[in-house]
Structure formats: structure tokens, C-alpha cells
Amino acid sequence: KVYRNPERVGLIRSKVVGSQQTTAPVIVFLEPHCLANRGWLEPLLAQIMSSHKSVAVPVIDIIPEHDTDKYSYGPLDYGGFQWDLSFHWPGSPKNR
């Protein structure tokens, strides 16, 4: 289902309005500059379904803006926010 705001309200407000319009158990926001590969959604849904407190974020692969055909897989690192809302990449899942 697609909902269109009657006027431009910006990215974040549009997501808030969209989340208020849905009755679905899961909401996925995909930014317009993102490319989704085959099978990208299933692992995220599996993580979310394992706990109702989950927030799942996909692995972000590297797509060079000067040549989008040169796709390479991103590292399997994990990141997280600190209490001061700064984001850090602590390491790989093996070190978690």
C-alpha cells in the first residue's frame, strides 16, 4: 500500500506518517539511494521474528558512486550507538 502526503513534509516526518498509516507487524524503510540484493529481506525478518524487541539492520555493501557496476561485499562488522548517540564499529561478529 502506498500513502502519499498531500504536501512535502521531509524524509523523517514522512516515515513517521507512514508508520502511523500501517497496520503491518513489520515496517521496512528503504532509502532511494539504496540497492537491495536478492534475499536481503528474509534474514532481517528472521532476526525481527526471533524477538519483538529486535531492530535489524542489513549489511551495507560498498557500491562506488563513480561506477555502480563494481559491486563488492561489505565486511561482516557490526556497529552500534553509544549512550551519547555516537556510532562505532566495534568489530566482527566473532569478537562480539
C-alpha atoms as a PDB file:
ATOM      1  CA  LYS A   1       0.000   0.000   0.000  1.00  0.00           C
ATOM      2  CA  VAL A   2       1.316   3.442  -0.871  1.00  0.00           C
ATOM      3  CA  TYR A   3       0.385   6.567   1.051  1.00  0.00           C
ATOM      4  CA  ARG A   4       1.295   9.977  -0.320  1.00  0.00           C
ATOM      5  CA  ASN A   5       1.433  13.054   1.860  1.00  0.00           C
ATOM      6  CA  PRO A   6      -0.723  15.868   0.496  1.00  0.00           C
ATOM      7  CA  GLU A   7       2.311  18.183   0.771  1.00  0.00           C
ATOM      8  CA  ARG A   8       6.080  17.802   1.149  1.00  0.00           C
ATOM      9  CA  VAL A   9       6.985  17.229   4.791  1.00  0.00           C
ATOM     10  CA  GLY A  10      10.537  15.867   4.580  1.00  0.00           C
ATOM     11  CA  LEU A  11      12.088  12.427   4.972  1.00  0.00           C
ATOM     12  CA  ILE A  12      11.751  11.837   8.707  1.00  0.00           C
ATOM     13  CA  ARG A  13       8.224  13.233   9.010  1.00  0.00           C
ATOM     14  CA  SER A  14       7.198  11.101   6.019  1.00  0.00           C
ATOM     15  CA  LYS A  15       8.497   7.984   7.795  1.00  0.00           C
ATOM     16  CA  VAL A  16       6.604   8.923  10.958  1.00  0.00           C
ATOM     17  CA  VAL A  17       3.389   9.486   8.979  1.00  0.00           C
ATOM     18  CA  GLY A  18       3.952   6.219   7.081  1.00  0.00           C
ATOM     19  CA  SER A  19       4.451   4.286  10.302  1.00  0.00           C
ATOM     20  CA  GLN A  20       1.180   5.716  11.625  1.00  0.00           C
ATOM     21  CA  GLN A  21      -0.666   4.616   8.472  1.00  0.00           C
ATOM     22  CA  THR A  22       0.318   0.943   8.603  1.00  0.00           C
ATOM     23  CA  THR A  23      -1.176  -1.988  10.442  1.00  0.00           C
ATOM     24  CA  ALA A  24       1.617  -4.371   9.400  1.00  0.00           C
ATOM     25  CA  PRO A  25       3.632  -6.135  12.102  1.00  0.00           C
ATOM     26  CA  VAL A  26       6.921  -5.070  10.447  1.00  0.00           C
ATOM     27  CA  ILE A  27       7.837  -1.815   8.722  1.00  0.00           C
ATOM     28  CA  VAL A  28      10.790  -1.572   6.319  1.00  0.00           C
ATOM     29  CA  PHE A  29      12.093   1.769   5.092  1.00  0.00           C
ATOM     30  CA  LEU A  30      14.390   1.619   2.076  1.00  0.00           C
ATOM     31  CA  GLU A  31      16.169   4.823   1.153  1.00  0.00           C
ATOM     32  CA  PRO A  32      16.038   5.869  -2.518  1.00  0.00           C
ATOM     33  CA  HIS A  33      19.824   5.685  -2.892  1.00  0.00           C
ATOM     34  CA  CYS A  34      19.945   2.039  -1.696  1.00  0.00           C
ATOM     35  CA  LEU A  35      20.048  -1.051  -3.878  1.00  0.00           C
ATOM     36  CA  ALA A  36      18.589  -4.265  -2.481  1.00  0.00           C
ATOM     37  CA  ASN A  37      20.148  -7.570  -3.457  1.00  0.00           C
ATOM     38  CA  ARG A  38      18.233 -10.851  -3.800  1.00  0.00           C
ATOM     39  CA  GLY A  39      17.311 -12.351  -0.450  1.00  0.00           C
ATOM     40  CA  TRP A  40      18.105  -9.227   1.577  1.00  0.00           C
ATOM     41  CA  LEU A  41      14.793  -9.120   3.457  1.00  0.00           C
ATOM     42  CA  GLU A  42      14.470 -12.703   4.742  1.00  0.00           C
ATOM     43  CA  PRO A  43      17.407 -12.583   7.218  1.00  0.00           C
ATOM     44  CA  LEU A  44      16.152  -9.281   8.616  1.00  0.00           C
ATOM     45  CA  LEU A  45      12.651 -10.671   9.118  1.00  0.00           C
ATOM     46  CA  ALA A  46      14.074 -13.785  10.791  1.00  0.00           C
ATOM     47  CA  GLN A  47      16.000 -11.600  13.250  1.00  0.00           C
ATOM     48  CA  ILE A  48      12.942  -9.461  13.985  1.00  0.00           C
ATOM     49  CA  MET A  49      10.717 -12.509  14.466  1.00  0.00           C
ATOM     50  CA  SER A  50      13.171 -14.003  16.981  1.00  0.00           C
ATOM     51  CA  SER A  51      12.413 -11.185  19.424  1.00  0.00           C
ATOM     52  CA  HIS A  52       9.768  -8.487  19.403  1.00  0.00           C
ATOM     53  CA  LYS A  53      12.403  -6.125  20.832  1.00  0.00           C
ATOM     54  CA  SER A  54      14.711  -6.538  17.827  1.00  0.00           C
ATOM     55  CA  VAL A  55      15.828  -3.851  15.459  1.00  0.00           C
ATOM     56  CA  ALA A  56      17.521  -5.343  12.412  1.00  0.00           C
ATOM     57  CA  VAL A  57      19.827  -3.503  10.033  1.00  0.00           C
ATOM     58  CA  PRO A  58      21.229  -5.063   6.852  1.00  0.00           C
ATOM     59  CA  VAL A  59      24.899  -5.389   5.996  1.00  0.00           C
ATOM     60  CA  ILE A  60      25.857  -2.328   3.995  1.00  0.00           C
ATOM     61  CA  ASP A  61      27.897  -3.273   0.956  1.00  0.00           C
ATOM     62  CA  ILE A  62      30.200  -0.963  -0.942  1.00  0.00           C
ATOM     63  CA  ILE A  63      28.895   0.441  -4.231  1.00  0.00           C
ATOM     64  CA  PRO A  64      31.287   3.022  -5.719  1.00  0.00           C
ATOM     65  CA  GLU A  65      29.326   6.077  -6.819  1.00  0.00           C
ATOM     66  CA  HIS A  66      31.574   6.623  -9.868  1.00  0.00           C
ATOM     67  CA  ASP A  67      30.907   3.068 -11.161  1.00  0.00           C
ATOM     68  CA  THR A  68      27.878   1.324  -9.670  1.00  0.00           C
ATOM     69  CA  ASP A  69      28.656  -1.868 -11.645  1.00  0.00           C
ATOM     70  CA  LYS A  70      31.736  -2.502  -9.457  1.00  0.00           C
ATOM     71  CA  TYR A  71      29.848  -4.032  -6.565  1.00  0.00           C
ATOM     72  CA  SER A  72      31.726  -5.593  -3.649  1.00  0.00           C
ATOM     73  CA  TYR A  73      30.534  -7.123  -0.413  1.00  0.00           C
ATOM     74  CA  GLY A  74      30.987  -5.094   2.737  1.00  0.00           C
ATOM     75  CA  PRO A  75      32.791  -6.502   5.767  1.00  0.00           C
ATOM     76  CA  LEU A  76      30.797  -8.522   8.301  1.00  0.00           C
ATOM     77  CA  ASP A  77      31.363  -5.997  11.063  1.00  0.00           C
ATOM     78  CA  TYR A  78      28.721  -4.888  13.492  1.00  0.00           C
ATOM     79  CA  GLY A  79      28.094  -1.392  14.739  1.00  0.00           C
ATOM     80  CA  GLY A  80      26.209   0.262  17.498  1.00  0.00           C
ATOM     81  CA  PHE A  81      25.311   3.522  19.141  1.00  0.00           C
ATOM     82  CA  GLN A  82      26.841   4.669  22.422  1.00  0.00           C
ATOM     83  CA  TRP A  83      24.781   6.498  25.045  1.00  0.00           C
ATOM     84  CA  ASP A  84      25.950   9.844  23.621  1.00  0.00           C
ATOM     85  CA  LEU A  85      24.448   8.711  20.242  1.00  0.00           C
ATOM     86  CA  SER A  86      27.850   8.400  18.565  1.00  0.00           C
ATOM     87  CA  PHE A  87      28.119   5.408  16.233  1.00  0.00           C
ATOM     88  CA  HIS A  88      31.039   2.968  16.399  1.00  0.00           C
ATOM     89  CA  TRP A  89      32.160  -0.177  14.557  1.00  0.00           C
ATOM     90  CA  PRO A  90      33.417  -2.375  17.454  1.00  0.00           C
ATOM     91  CA  GLY A  91      34.439  -5.375  15.350  1.00  0.00           C
ATOM     92  CA  SER A  92      33.413  -8.598  13.726  1.00  0.00           C
ATOM     93  CA  PRO A  93      30.657 -10.956  14.918  1.00  0.00           C
ATOM     94  CA  LYS A  94      33.362 -13.469  16.014  1.00  0.00           C
ATOM     95  CA  ASN A  95      34.681 -10.922  18.531  1.00  0.00           C
ATOM     96  CA  ARG A  96      31.253  -9.982  19.826  1.00  0.00           C
END
